[in-house]
C-alpha atoms as a PDB file:
ATOM      1  CA  MET A   1     -74.955-210.830-156.667  1.00  0.00           C
ATOM      2  CA  ALA A   2     -78.891-211.963-155.900  1.00  0.00           C
ATOM      3  CA  SER A   3     -80.168-215.437-155.982  1.00  0.00           C
ATOM      4  CA  ASP A   4     -81.268-217.020-158.892  1.00  0.00           C
ATOM      5  CA  ALA A   5     -84.503-218.120-156.966  1.00  0.00           C
ATOM      6  CA  ARG A   6     -87.599-216.391-158.416  1.00  0.00           C
ATOM      7  CA  ASP A   7     -90.801-215.406-156.492  1.00  0.00           C
ATOM      8  CA  PRO A   8     -93.959-217.949-157.567  1.00  0.00           C
ATOM      9  CA  ASN A   9     -96.255-214.985-155.940  1.00  0.00           C
ATOM     10  CA  ALA A  10     -94.710-212.351-158.004  1.00  0.00           C
ATOM     11  CA  PRO A  11     -97.076-210.885-160.539  1.00  0.00           C
ATOM     12  CA  LYS A  12     -97.257-212.642-163.899  1.00  0.00           C
ATOM     13  CA  LYS A  13     -94.876-210.807-167.031  1.00  0.00           C
ATOM     14  CA  PRO A  14     -97.280-209.361-169.399  1.00  0.00           C
ATOM     15  CA  LEU A  15     -97.921-211.518-172.387  1.00  0.00           C
ATOM     16  CA  THR A  16     -97.372-209.973-176.171  1.00  0.00           C
ATOM     17  CA  ALA A  17     -99.960-209.895-178.964  1.00  0.00           C
ATOM     18  CA  LEU A  18     -98.409-212.882-180.675  1.00  0.00           C
ATOM     19  CA  ASP A  19     -98.480-214.772-177.289  1.00  0.00           C
ATOM     20  CA  PHE A  20    -102.223-214.328-176.799  1.00  0.00           C
ATOM     21  CA  TYR A  21    -102.721-215.745-180.719  1.00  0.00           C
ATOM     22  CA  ALA A  22    -100.542-218.521-179.633  1.00  0.00           C
ATOM     23  CA  GLN A  23    -102.398-219.464-176.988  1.00  0.00           C
ATOM     24  CA  ALA A  24    -105.951-218.895-178.638  1.00  0.00           C
ATOM     25  CA  SER A  25    -104.691-220.977-181.820  1.00  0.00           C
ATOM     26  CA  ARG A  26    -103.122-223.570-179.484  1.00  0.00           C
ATOM     27  CA  ARG A  27    -106.696-223.995-177.767  1.00  0.00           C
ATOM     28  CA  LYS A  28    -108.348-224.703-180.546  1.00  0.00           C
ATOM     29  CA  GLU A  29    -105.925-227.070-181.795  1.00  0.00           C
ATOM     30  CA  ASP A  30    -105.931-229.073-178.813  1.00  0.00           C
ATOM     31  CA  ALA A  31    -109.681-229.316-178.566  1.00  0.00           C
ATOM     32  CA  ALA A  32    -109.869-230.522-182.201  1.00  0.00           C
ATOM     33  CA  LYS A  33    -107.033-233.277-181.622  1.00  0.00           C
ATOM     34  CA  ASP A  34    -107.423-233.752-177.835  1.00  0.00           C
ATOM     35  CA  VAL A  35    -103.706-234.995-178.088  1.00  0.00           C
ATOM     36  CA  THR A  36    -100.165-233.407-176.144  1.00  0.00           C
ATOM     37  CA  ALA A  37     -97.892-232.689-178.542  1.00  0.00           C
ATOM     38  CA  ASP A  38     -93.826-233.139-177.772  1.00  0.00           C
ATOM     39  CA  ASP A  39     -91.410-230.698-177.585  1.00  0.00           C
ATOM     40  CA  THR A  40     -90.375-230.852-180.991  1.00  0.00           C
ATOM     41  CA  GLN A  41     -94.031-230.300-181.652  1.00  0.00           C
ATOM     42  CA  THR A  42     -94.433-227.220-179.588  1.00  0.00           C
ATOM     43  CA  GLN A  43     -91.435-225.555-181.305  1.00  0.00           C
ATOM     44  CA  ALA A  44     -92.787-225.997-184.792  1.00  0.00           C
ATOM     45  CA  SER A  45     -96.309-224.979-183.637  1.00  0.00           C
ATOM     46  CA  SER A  46     -94.294-221.555-182.208  1.00  0.00           C
ATOM     47  CA  GLU A  47     -92.726-220.993-185.136  1.00  0.00           C
ATOM     48  CA  LEU A  48     -95.889-221.825-187.156  1.00  0.00           C
ATOM     49  CA  TYR A  49     -98.111-219.330-185.145  1.00  0.00           C
ATOM     50  CA  GLU A  50     -95.468-216.481-185.352  1.00  0.00           C
ATOM     51  CA  LEU A  51     -95.599-216.533-189.153  1.00  0.00           C
ATOM     52  CA  GLU A  52     -99.151-216.721-189.314  1.00  0.00           C
ATOM     53  CA  PHE A  53     -99.747-213.765-186.992  1.00  0.00           C
ATOM     54  CA  ASN A  54     -97.165-212.145-189.323  1.00  0.00           C
ATOM     55  CA  ASN A  55     -99.006-212.670-192.215  1.00  0.00           C
ATOM     56  CA  LEU A  56    -102.425-211.126-191.031  1.00  0.00           C
ATOM     57  CA  SER A  57    -103.722-207.835-191.426  1.00  0.00           C
ATOM     58  CA  ASP A  58    -103.722-204.850-189.296  1.00  0.00           C
ATOM     59  CA  ALA A  59    -107.333-205.171-188.490  1.00  0.00           C
ATOM     60  CA  GLU A  60    -106.915-208.758-187.554  1.00  0.00           C
ATOM     61  CA  LYS A  61    -103.708-208.064-185.296  1.00  0.00           C
ATOM     62  CA  ALA A  62    -105.670-205.081-183.552  1.00  0.00           C
ATOM     63  CA  THR A  63    -107.459-207.621-181.059  1.00  0.00           C
ATOM     64  CA  TRP A  64    -104.517-209.468-180.100  1.00  0.00           C
ATOM     65  CA  TYR A  65    -102.614-206.103-179.524  1.00  0.00           C
ATOM     66  CA  LYS A  66    -105.735-204.883-177.501  1.00  0.00           C
ATOM     67  CA  LEU A  67    -105.425-207.887-175.392  1.00  0.00           C
ATOM     68  CA  ALA A  68    -101.428-207.064-174.854  1.00  0.00           C
ATOM     69  CA  ARG A  69    -102.047-203.474-173.794  1.00  0.00           C
ATOM     70  CA  ARG A  70    -104.921-204.699-171.313  1.00  0.00           C
ATOM     71  CA  ASP A  71    -101.904-207.319-169.706  1.00  0.00           C
ATOM     72  CA  LYS A  72     -99.315-204.208-169.630  1.00  0.00           C
ATOM     73  CA  ILE A  73    -101.628-202.708-167.541  1.00  0.00           C
ATOM     74  CA  ARG A  74    -102.391-205.535-165.451  1.00  0.00           C
ATOM     75  CA  TYR A  75     -99.208-206.184-164.992  1.00  0.00           C
ATOM     76  CA  LYS A  76     -97.965-202.600-164.027  1.00  0.00           C
ATOM     77  CA  LYS A  77    -100.750-202.269-161.571  1.00  0.00           C
ATOM     78  CA  GLU A  78     -99.751-205.462-160.086  1.00  0.00           C
ATOM     79  CA  MET A  79     -96.349-204.675-159.788  1.00  0.00           C
ATOM     80  CA  ALA A  80     -96.875-201.184-158.344  1.00  0.00           C
ATOM     81  CA  THR A  81     -97.840-202.714-154.951  1.00  0.00           C
ATOM     82  CA  TYR A  82     -95.811-205.997-155.189  1.00  0.00           C
ATOM     83  CA  GLU A  83     -93.192-206.148-152.185  1.00  0.00           C
ATOM     84  CA  PRO A  84     -90.365-208.873-153.327  1.00  0.00           C
ATOM     85  CA  PRO A  85     -89.321-211.516-150.262  1.00  0.00           C
ATOM     86  CA  VAL A  86     -86.169-210.949-148.123  1.00  0.00           C
ATOM     87  CA  ASP A  87     -83.164-212.924-148.659  1.00  0.00           C
ATOM     88  CA  SER A  88     -82.736-214.727-145.378  1.00  0.00           C
ATOM     89  CA  SER A  89     -79.372-215.337-145.885  1.00  0.00           C
ATOM     90  CA  SER A  90     -78.224-211.857-147.255  1.00  0.00           C
ATOM     91  CA  GLY A  91     -80.956-209.805-145.981  1.00  0.00           C
ATOM     92  CA  CYS A  92     -81.805-208.310-149.372  1.00  0.00           C
ATOM     93  CA  ARG A  93     -84.374-208.670-151.812  1.00  0.00           C
ATOM     94  CA  LEU A  94     -84.542-211.198-154.429  1.00  0.00           C
ATOM     95  CA  LEU A  95     -85.018-208.640-157.696  1.00  0.00           C
ATOM     96  CA  LEU A  96     -85.341-211.412-160.679  1.00  0.00           C
ATOM     97  CA  MET A  97     -88.527-209.864-161.225  1.00  0.00           C
ATOM     98  CA  GLY A  98     -89.189-208.961-164.473  1.00  0.00           C
ATOM     99  CA  ARG A  99     -90.048-205.060-166.126  1.00  0.00           C
ATOM    100  CA  PHE A 100     -91.651-202.490-163.692  1.00  0.00           C
ATOM    101  CA  PHE A 101     -91.907-200.121-166.661  1.00  0.00           C
ATOM    102  CA  PRO A 102     -93.266-201.573-169.908  1.00  0.00           C
ATOM    103  CA  PHE A 103     -90.828-201.558-172.581  1.00  0.00           C
ATOM    104  CA  ASP A 104     -91.911-202.163-176.429  1.00  0.00           C
ATOM    105  CA  SER A 105     -88.828-201.807-178.751  1.00  0.00           C
ATOM    106  CA  GLU A 106     -91.551-200.860-181.165  1.00  0.00           C
ATOM    107  CA  GLY A 107     -92.007-197.715-179.818  1.00  0.00           C
ATOM    108  CA  ILE A 108     -92.934-196.159-176.098  1.00  0.00           C
ATOM    109  CA  PRO A 109     -94.697-193.192-175.527  1.00  0.00           C
ATOM    110  CA  PHE A 110     -92.349-190.104-174.150  1.00  0.00           C
ATOM    111  CA  ALA A 111     -93.278-186.439-173.795  1.00  0.00           C
ATOM    112  CA  ASP A 112     -94.466-185.547-177.399  1.00  0.00           C
ATOM    113  CA  THR A 113     -92.853-188.626-179.261  1.00  0.00           C
ATOM    114  CA  THR A 114     -92.466-192.206-179.416  1.00  0.00           C
ATOM    115  CA  LEU A 115     -89.026-193.333-178.193  1.00  0.00           C
ATOM    116  CA  ILE A 116     -88.298-196.596-180.465  1.00  0.00           C
ATOM    117  CA  ILE A 117     -84.842-198.360-178.992  1.00  0.00           C
ATOM    118  CA  LYS A 118     -83.262-201.149-180.291  1.00  0.00           C
ATOM    119  CA  GLU A 119     -81.744-203.810-177.586  1.00  0.00           C
ATOM    120  CA  ALA A 120     -79.592-207.048-178.488  1.00  0.00           C
ATOM    121  CA  GLN A 121     -78.843-210.208-176.969  1.00  0.00           C
ATOM    122  CA  ASN A 122     -76.130-209.624-174.256  1.00  0.00           C
ATOM    123  CA  SER A 123     -73.512-212.395-173.602  1.00  0.00           C
ATOM    124  CA  SER A 124     -71.710-213.094-170.520  1.00  0.00           C
ATOM    125  CA  HIS A 125     -68.057-213.139-172.363  1.00  0.00           C
ATOM    126  CA  ILE A 126     -68.716-209.366-173.349  1.00  0.00           C
ATOM    127  CA  GLY A 127     -67.029-206.488-171.240  1.00  0.00           C
ATOM    128  CA  GLU A 128     -66.717-206.452-167.392  1.00  0.00           C
ATOM    129  CA  ASP A 129     -70.212-206.049-166.979  1.00  0.00           C
ATOM    130  CA  GLY A 130     -71.132-209.127-169.036  1.00  0.00           C
ATOM    131  CA  GLY A 131     -72.592-207.258-171.935  1.00  0.00           C
ATOM    132  CA  THR A 132     -75.324-205.666-170.148  1.00  0.00           C
ATOM    133  CA  GLY A 133     -75.160-202.338-171.816  1.00  0.00           C
ATOM    134  CA  LEU A 134     -77.082-203.875-174.692  1.00  0.00           C
ATOM    135  CA  ASN A 135     -80.415-204.061-172.932  1.00  0.00           C
ATOM    136  CA  VAL A 136     -82.867-201.465-171.433  1.00  0.00           C
ATOM    137  CA  TRP A 137     -83.381-201.840-167.666  1.00  0.00           C
ATOM    138  CA  ASP A 138     -85.694-200.407-165.236  1.00  0.00           C
ATOM    139  CA  GLY A 139     -83.460-197.851-163.893  1.00  0.00           C
ATOM    140  CA  ALA A 140     -83.030-196.518-167.267  1.00  0.00           C
ATOM    141  CA  GLN A 141     -86.966-195.925-167.342  1.00  0.00           C
ATOM    142  CA  LEU A 142     -87.337-194.547-163.990  1.00  0.00           C
ATOM    143  CA  LEU A 143     -84.452-192.042-165.011  1.00  0.00           C
ATOM    144  CA  LEU A 144     -86.540-191.501-167.995  1.00  0.00           C
ATOM    145  CA  ARG A 145     -89.515-191.096-166.534  1.00  0.00           C
ATOM    146  CA  TYR A 146     -87.898-188.312-164.211  1.00  0.00           C
ATOM    147  CA  ILE A 147     -86.647-186.376-166.732  1.00  0.00           C
ATOM    148  CA  GLU A 148     -90.052-186.506-168.660  1.00  0.00           C
ATOM    149  CA  LYS A 149     -92.004-185.126-165.524  1.00  0.00           C
ATOM    150  CA  VAL A 150     -89.112-182.756-164.368  1.00  0.00           C
ATOM    151  CA  PRO A 151     -87.303-181.637-167.633  1.00  0.00           C
ATOM    152  CA  ASN A 152     -85.419-178.573-166.061  1.00  0.00           C
ATOM    153  CA  ILE A 153     -82.823-180.783-164.634  1.00  0.00           C
ATOM    154  CA  VAL A 154     -81.495-181.309-168.299  1.00  0.00           C
ATOM    155  CA  LYS A 155     -82.752-178.440-169.886  1.00  0.00           C
ATOM    156  CA  ASN A 156     -80.277-175.824-171.407  1.00  0.00           C
ATOM    157  CA  LYS A 157     -77.532-178.055-169.306  1.00  0.00           C
ATOM    158  CA  ARG A 158     -74.507-179.974-170.827  1.00  0.00           C
ATOM    159  CA  VAL A 159     -75.007-183.712-169.739  1.00  0.00           C
ATOM    160  CA  ILE A 160     -72.650-186.388-168.980  1.00  0.00           C
ATOM    161  CA  GLU A 161     -74.333-189.939-168.846  1.00  0.00           C
ATOM    162  CA  LEU A 162     -71.940-192.935-167.534  1.00  0.00           C
ATOM    163  CA  GLY A 163     -73.103-196.411-168.737  1.00  0.00           C
ATOM    164  CA  SER A 164     -75.545-195.345-171.500  1.00  0.00           C
ATOM    165  CA  GLY A 165     -75.915-198.648-172.676  1.00  0.00           C
ATOM    166  CA  CYS A 166     -78.444-198.576-175.539  1.00  0.00           C
ATOM    167  CA  GLY A 167     -79.062-194.754-175.058  1.00  0.00           C
ATOM    168  CA  ILE A 168     -82.266-194.253-173.981  1.00  0.00           C
ATOM    169  CA  VAL A 169     -81.933-191.878-170.876  1.00  0.00           C
ATOM    170  CA  GLY A 170     -79.157-190.006-173.184  1.00  0.00           C
ATOM    171  CA  VAL A 171     -81.611-190.027-176.040  1.00  0.00           C
ATOM    172  CA  ALA A 172     -84.752-188.632-173.718  1.00  0.00           C
ATOM    173  CA  ALA A 173     -81.935-185.818-172.127  1.00  0.00           C
ATOM    174  CA  ALA A 174     -81.665-184.468-176.183  1.00  0.00           C
ATOM    175  CA  ILE A 175     -85.420-184.596-176.201  1.00  0.00           C
ATOM    176  CA  CYS A 176     -86.159-182.699-173.338  1.00  0.00           C
ATOM    177  CA  GLY A 177     -83.975-179.914-174.715  1.00  0.00           C
ATOM    178  CA  CYS A 178     -80.607-180.320-173.371  1.00  0.00           C
ATOM    179  CA  LYS A 179     -77.753-178.072-174.898  1.00  0.00           C
ATOM    180  CA  GLU A 180     -75.544-181.172-175.141  1.00  0.00           C
ATOM    181  CA  VAL A 181     -75.401-184.807-174.163  1.00  0.00           C
ATOM    182  CA  ILE A 182     -72.259-187.152-174.290  1.00  0.00           C
ATOM    183  CA  MET A 183     -73.350-190.591-174.041  1.00  0.00           C
ATOM    184  CA  THR A 184     -70.745-192.820-172.867  1.00  0.00           C
ATOM    185  CA  ASP A 185     -69.952-196.792-172.142  1.00  0.00           C
ATOM    186  CA  LEU A 186     -67.941-199.846-173.301  1.00  0.00           C
ATOM    187  CA  ALA A 187     -66.685-200.093-176.968  1.00  0.00           C
ATOM    188  CA  TYR A 188     -68.744-202.948-176.985  1.00  0.00           C
ATOM    189  CA  ALA A 189     -71.976-200.841-176.590  1.00  0.00           C
ATOM    190  CA  LEU A 190     -71.277-197.848-179.007  1.00  0.00           C
ATOM    191  CA  PRO A 191     -72.755-199.638-182.029  1.00  0.00           C
ATOM    192  CA  LEU A 192     -76.221-199.684-180.597  1.00  0.00           C
ATOM    193  CA  MET A 193     -76.306-196.839-178.801  1.00  0.00           C
ATOM    194  CA  ARG A 194     -75.146-194.629-182.142  1.00  0.00           C
ATOM    195  CA  GLU A 195     -77.962-196.782-183.998  1.00  0.00           C
ATOM    196  CA  ASN A 196     -80.524-195.559-181.740  1.00  0.00           C
ATOM    197  CA  VAL A 197     -79.330-192.284-181.500  1.00  0.00           C
ATOM    198  CA  ASP A 198     -79.706-191.899-185.151  1.00  0.00           C
ATOM    199  CA  ILE A 199     -83.231-193.955-185.152  1.00  0.00           C
ATOM    200  CA  ASN A 200     -84.404-190.749-182.606  1.00  0.00           C
ATOM    201  CA  ARG A 201     -82.732-188.091-184.098  1.00  0.00           C
ATOM    202  CA  ALA A 202     -85.531-186.593-185.956  1.00  0.00           C
ATOM    203  CA  ALA A 203     -87.239-185.970-182.305  1.00  0.00           C
ATOM    204  CA  TRP A 204     -84.740-183.575-181.880  1.00  0.00           C
ATOM    205  CA  LYS A 205     -83.938-182.219-185.506  1.00  0.00           C
ATOM    206  CA  ASP A 206     -85.208-178.675-184.799  1.00  0.00           C
ATOM    207  CA  THR A 207     -82.886-177.971-181.789  1.00  0.00           C
ATOM    208  CA  ASP A 208     -79.217-177.110-181.685  1.00  0.00           C
ATOM    209  CA  VAL A 209     -78.553-180.172-179.451  1.00  0.00           C
ATOM    210  CA  VAL A 210     -75.406-181.621-179.814  1.00  0.00           C
ATOM    211  CA  VAL A 211     -75.164-185.329-179.301  1.00  0.00           C
ATOM    212  CA  SER A 212     -72.367-187.625-179.169  1.00  0.00           C
ATOM    213  CA  CYS A 213     -71.413-191.450-178.312  1.00  0.00           C
ATOM    214  CA  LYS A 214     -68.154-191.877-176.490  1.00  0.00           C
ATOM    215  CA  GLU A 215     -66.325-194.750-174.894  1.00  0.00           C
ATOM    216  CA  CYS A 216     -65.496-194.526-171.371  1.00  0.00           C
ATOM    217  CA  ASP A 217     -64.050-197.514-169.573  1.00  0.00           C
ATOM    218  CA  TRP A 218     -64.626-196.497-165.600  1.00  0.00           C
ATOM    219  CA  PHE A 219     -60.918-198.527-164.983  1.00  0.00           C
ATOM    220  CA  GLN A 220     -59.210-196.133-167.505  1.00  0.00           C
ATOM    221  CA  PRO A 221     -61.362-192.896-168.353  1.00  0.00           C
ATOM    222  CA  PRO A 222     -60.145-190.400-170.748  1.00  0.00           C
ATOM    223  CA  PRO A 223     -59.478-187.208-169.589  1.00  0.00           C
ATOM    224  CA  VAL A 224     -62.176-184.431-168.695  1.00  0.00           C
ATOM    225  CA  ASP A 225     -60.680-182.617-171.580  1.00  0.00           C
ATOM    226  CA  GLU A 226     -60.620-185.122-173.656  1.00  0.00           C
ATOM    227  CA  LEU A 227     -64.213-186.372-172.972  1.00  0.00           C
ATOM    228  CA  LEU A 228     -65.784-182.451-173.037  1.00  0.00           C
ATOM    229  CA  GLY A 229     -63.627-181.168-175.528  1.00  0.00           C
ATOM    230  CA  ASN A 230     -60.720-178.111-174.363  1.00  0.00           C
ATOM    231  CA  ASP A 231     -63.639-175.336-174.398  1.00  0.00           C
ATOM    232  CA  SER A 232     -65.035-176.714-171.402  1.00  0.00           C
ATOM    233  CA  ASN A 233     -63.533-178.887-168.157  1.00  0.00           C
ATOM    234  CA  LYS A 234     -67.511-178.882-166.814  1.00  0.00           C
ATOM    235  CA  ALA A 235     -70.611-180.775-167.042  1.00  0.00           C
ATOM    236  CA  ASP A 236     -73.717-179.374-165.302  1.00  0.00           C
ATOM    237  CA  VAL A 237     -75.411-182.606-164.784  1.00  0.00           C
ATOM    238  CA  LEU A 238     -74.048-186.049-164.825  1.00  0.00           C
ATOM    239  CA  LEU A 239     -76.982-188.873-165.160  1.00  0.00           C
ATOM    240  CA  VAL A 240     -76.249-192.914-164.713  1.00  0.00           C
ATOM    241  CA  ALA A 241     -78.940-195.180-164.889  1.00  0.00           C
ATOM    242  CA  ASP A 242     -78.789-198.670-162.958  1.00  0.00           C
ATOM    243  CA  CYS A 243     -75.015-198.863-163.312  1.00  0.00           C
ATOM    244  CA  VAL A 244     -74.777-200.786-159.376  1.00  0.00           C
ATOM    245  CA  TRP A 245     -74.731-204.737-159.355  1.00  0.00           C
ATOM    246  CA  LEU A 246     -71.135-205.485-159.369  1.00  0.00           C
ATOM    247  CA  SER A 247     -68.877-205.491-156.813  1.00  0.00           C
ATOM    248  CA  SER A 248     -65.962-204.762-158.903  1.00  0.00           C
ATOM    249  CA  LEU A 249     -67.194-201.759-160.209  1.00  0.00           C
ATOM    250  CA  ILE A 250     -68.034-199.633-157.398  1.00  0.00           C
ATOM    251  CA  ALA A 251     -64.561-198.149-156.994  1.00  0.00           C
ATOM    252  CA  PRO A 252     -63.738-197.507-160.849  1.00  0.00           C
ATOM    253  CA  LEU A 253     -67.521-195.918-161.021  1.00  0.00           C
ATOM    254  CA  LEU A 254     -66.895-193.877-157.523  1.00  0.00           C
ATOM    255  CA  ARG A 255     -63.010-192.309-158.983  1.00  0.00           C
ATOM    256  CA  THR A 256     -65.065-191.734-162.474  1.00  0.00           C
ATOM    257  CA  LEU A 257     -68.000-189.774-160.786  1.00  0.00           C
ATOM    258  CA  LYS A 258     -65.035-187.712-158.880  1.00  0.00           C
ATOM    259  CA  LEU A 259     -63.448-187.181-161.909  1.00  0.00           C
ATOM    260  CA  TYR A 260     -66.371-185.733-163.945  1.00  0.00           C
ATOM    261  CA  THR A 261     -67.971-183.979-161.258  1.00  0.00           C
ATOM    262  CA  THR A 262     -67.324-180.263-159.571  1.00  0.00           C
ATOM    263  CA  GLU A 263     -68.939-178.996-156.538  1.00  0.00           C
ATOM    264  CA  SER A 264     -71.785-177.653-158.713  1.00  0.00           C
ATOM    265  CA  THR A 265     -72.736-180.772-160.933  1.00  0.00           C
ATOM    266  CA  ASP A 266     -75.960-182.231-160.257  1.00  0.00           C
ATOM    267  CA  VAL A 267     -75.575-186.077-160.335  1.00  0.00           C
ATOM    268  CA  PHE A 268     -78.629-188.337-160.495  1.00  0.00           C
ATOM    269  CA  ILE A 269     -78.272-192.066-160.079  1.00  0.00           C
ATOM    270  CA  THR A 270     -81.100-194.812-160.266  1.00  0.00           C
ATOM    271  CA  TYR A 271     -80.334-197.496-158.386  1.00  0.00           C
ATOM    272  CA  GLN A 272     -81.992-201.180-157.769  1.00  0.00           C
ATOM    273  CA  GLN A 273     -80.814-202.707-154.984  1.00  0.00           C
ATOM    274  CA  ARG A 274     -79.571-205.929-155.396  1.00  0.00           C
ATOM    275  CA  GLY A 275     -76.831-207.553-153.830  1.00  0.00           C
ATOM    276  CA  LYS A 276     -75.810-206.767-150.061  1.00  0.00           C
ATOM    277  CA  GLU A 277     -72.065-206.231-150.662  1.00  0.00           C
ATOM    278  CA  ALA A 278     -72.644-204.108-153.639  1.00  0.00           C
ATOM    279  CA  HIS A 279     -75.100-202.196-152.092  1.00  0.00           C
ATOM    280  CA  ASP A 280     -72.947-201.440-148.894  1.00  0.00           C
ATOM    281  CA  LEU A 281     -69.743-200.678-150.949  1.00  0.00           C
ATOM    282  CA  PHE A 282     -71.990-198.556-153.128  1.00  0.00           C
ATOM    283  CA  MET A 283     -73.707-196.274-150.116  1.00  0.00           C
ATOM    284  CA  GLU A 284     -70.584-195.735-148.174  1.00  0.00           C
ATOM    285  CA  GLY A 285     -68.723-194.708-151.092  1.00  0.00           C
ATOM    286  CA  ILE A 286     -71.609-192.615-152.401  1.00  0.00           C
ATOM    287  CA  HIS A 287     -72.277-191.192-149.165  1.00  0.00           C
ATOM    288  CA  ASN A 288     -68.362-190.226-148.836  1.00  0.00           C
ATOM    289  CA  LEU A 289     -68.046-188.312-152.116  1.00  0.00           C
ATOM    290  CA  PHE A 290     -71.453-186.479-152.099  1.00  0.00           C
ATOM    291  CA  ASP A 291     -74.423-185.035-150.125  1.00  0.00           C
ATOM    292  CA  VAL A 292     -77.168-187.561-151.162  1.00  0.00           C
ATOM    293  CA  VAL A 293     -80.687-187.073-151.369  1.00  0.00           C
ATOM    294  CA  ASP A 294     -82.940-190.105-151.877  1.00  0.00           C
ATOM    295  CA  VAL A 295     -85.968-188.328-153.880  1.00  0.00           C
ATOM    296  CA  ASP A 296     -89.213-189.020-153.076  1.00  0.00           C
ATOM    297  CA  THR A 297     -90.240-189.532-157.198  1.00  0.00           C
ATOM    298  CA  LEU A 298     -94.235-189.796-156.163  1.00  0.00           C
ATOM    299  CA  LYS A 299     -94.184-186.720-154.198  1.00  0.00           C
ATOM    300  CA  GLU A 300     -92.131-184.787-156.328  1.00  0.00           C
ATOM    301  CA  ALA A 301     -92.771-186.107-159.623  1.00  0.00           C
ATOM    302  CA  ASP A 302     -96.349-187.990-159.038  1.00  0.00           C
ATOM    303  CA  LEU A 303     -93.761-191.254-160.369  1.00  0.00           C
ATOM    304  CA  ALA A 304     -94.446-194.706-159.175  1.00  0.00           C
ATOM    305  CA  LYS A 305     -91.738-196.967-157.910  1.00  0.00           C
ATOM    306  CA  PRO A 306     -90.886-199.970-156.116  1.00  0.00           C
ATOM    307  CA  ASP A 307     -89.284-199.601-152.914  1.00  0.00           C
ATOM    308  CA  VAL A 308     -86.045-201.368-154.044  1.00  0.00           C
ATOM    309  CA  PHE A 309     -85.362-198.337-156.909  1.00  0.00           C
ATOM    310  CA  HIS A 310     -84.181-195.139-155.979  1.00  0.00           C
ATOM    311  CA  LEU A 311     -83.420-192.023-157.163  1.00  0.00           C
ATOM    312  CA  LEU A 312     -80.353-190.486-155.670  1.00  0.00           C
ATOM    313  CA  HIS A 313     -79.869-186.855-156.119  1.00  0.00           C
ATOM    314  CA  CYS A 314     -76.006-186.076-155.464  1.00  0.00           C
ATOM    315  CA  LYS A 315     -73.926-182.848-155.340  1.00  0.00           C
ATOM    316  CA  ARG A 316     -70.031-183.047-154.145  1.00  0.00           C
ATOM    317  CA  LYS A 317     -69.078-182.103-150.630  1.00  0.00           C
ATOM    318  CA  VAL A 318     -67.803-178.943-150.223  1.00  0.00           C
ATOM    319  CA  SER A 319     -63.495-179.335-149.610  1.00  0.00           C
END
């Protein structure tokens, strides 16, 4: 696991429209009162600012949303050139650095539509993965944007996604014209995943794409025919987005990848390097099973990313 240290030189996270409104309101109050509020007063003020903001007209909110959009652009530009420091004890980069790809639960532009993906608060007692499937991670957004730029990787294909979480990548595959997408994760993640599928279903309502959400525990993955149906035991494409961070999950993930792929399956994995142990285990295992290409996303898809993010295109080694 990566250290909990944060780089003080990392780009400052972008502020929301509410943040800008609250800052401006607080400055006015401080100038008028010239007093310092204690923690209780600050909390009460924050709640009041949120209430005031929600009661603003759309025209009044527009100014604050404009500032927030500018700040997101600022953050994205700074993150594009930011290099996280190296942890001298492990040789790995410290990656608790906030989102590189802008995300807004109210909607993010994708292809010719807008994706609306809900998140939920995760909890360390949920699942082997600590409930991380309830949030959208940068690795998922990297794969989302790659699919947007190169839709032919899923178009008219039968797709399995492992560790789908909130469902953002599977929904993207459906919008980009896959024949079928089977999104999978632990049981706790399925209600939110299905909710996000339903929210975005209109984006592919005029197509014949089949979208399903199924439970898949990598320690006991369902048989291929159970996951895919008896009509076929083959997926054309398998997607995995930012699922490599716990060493204990590496071996089960690799076994599941082997179970659900053939020599003709294209596997796309987005991966953010965090801890050295998990990184070494994963890289050794994935290269033993697959021929692996680390995709140059900037060259192939005009898609910028930090160096610590990888997009791997994998094909099963020929026996």
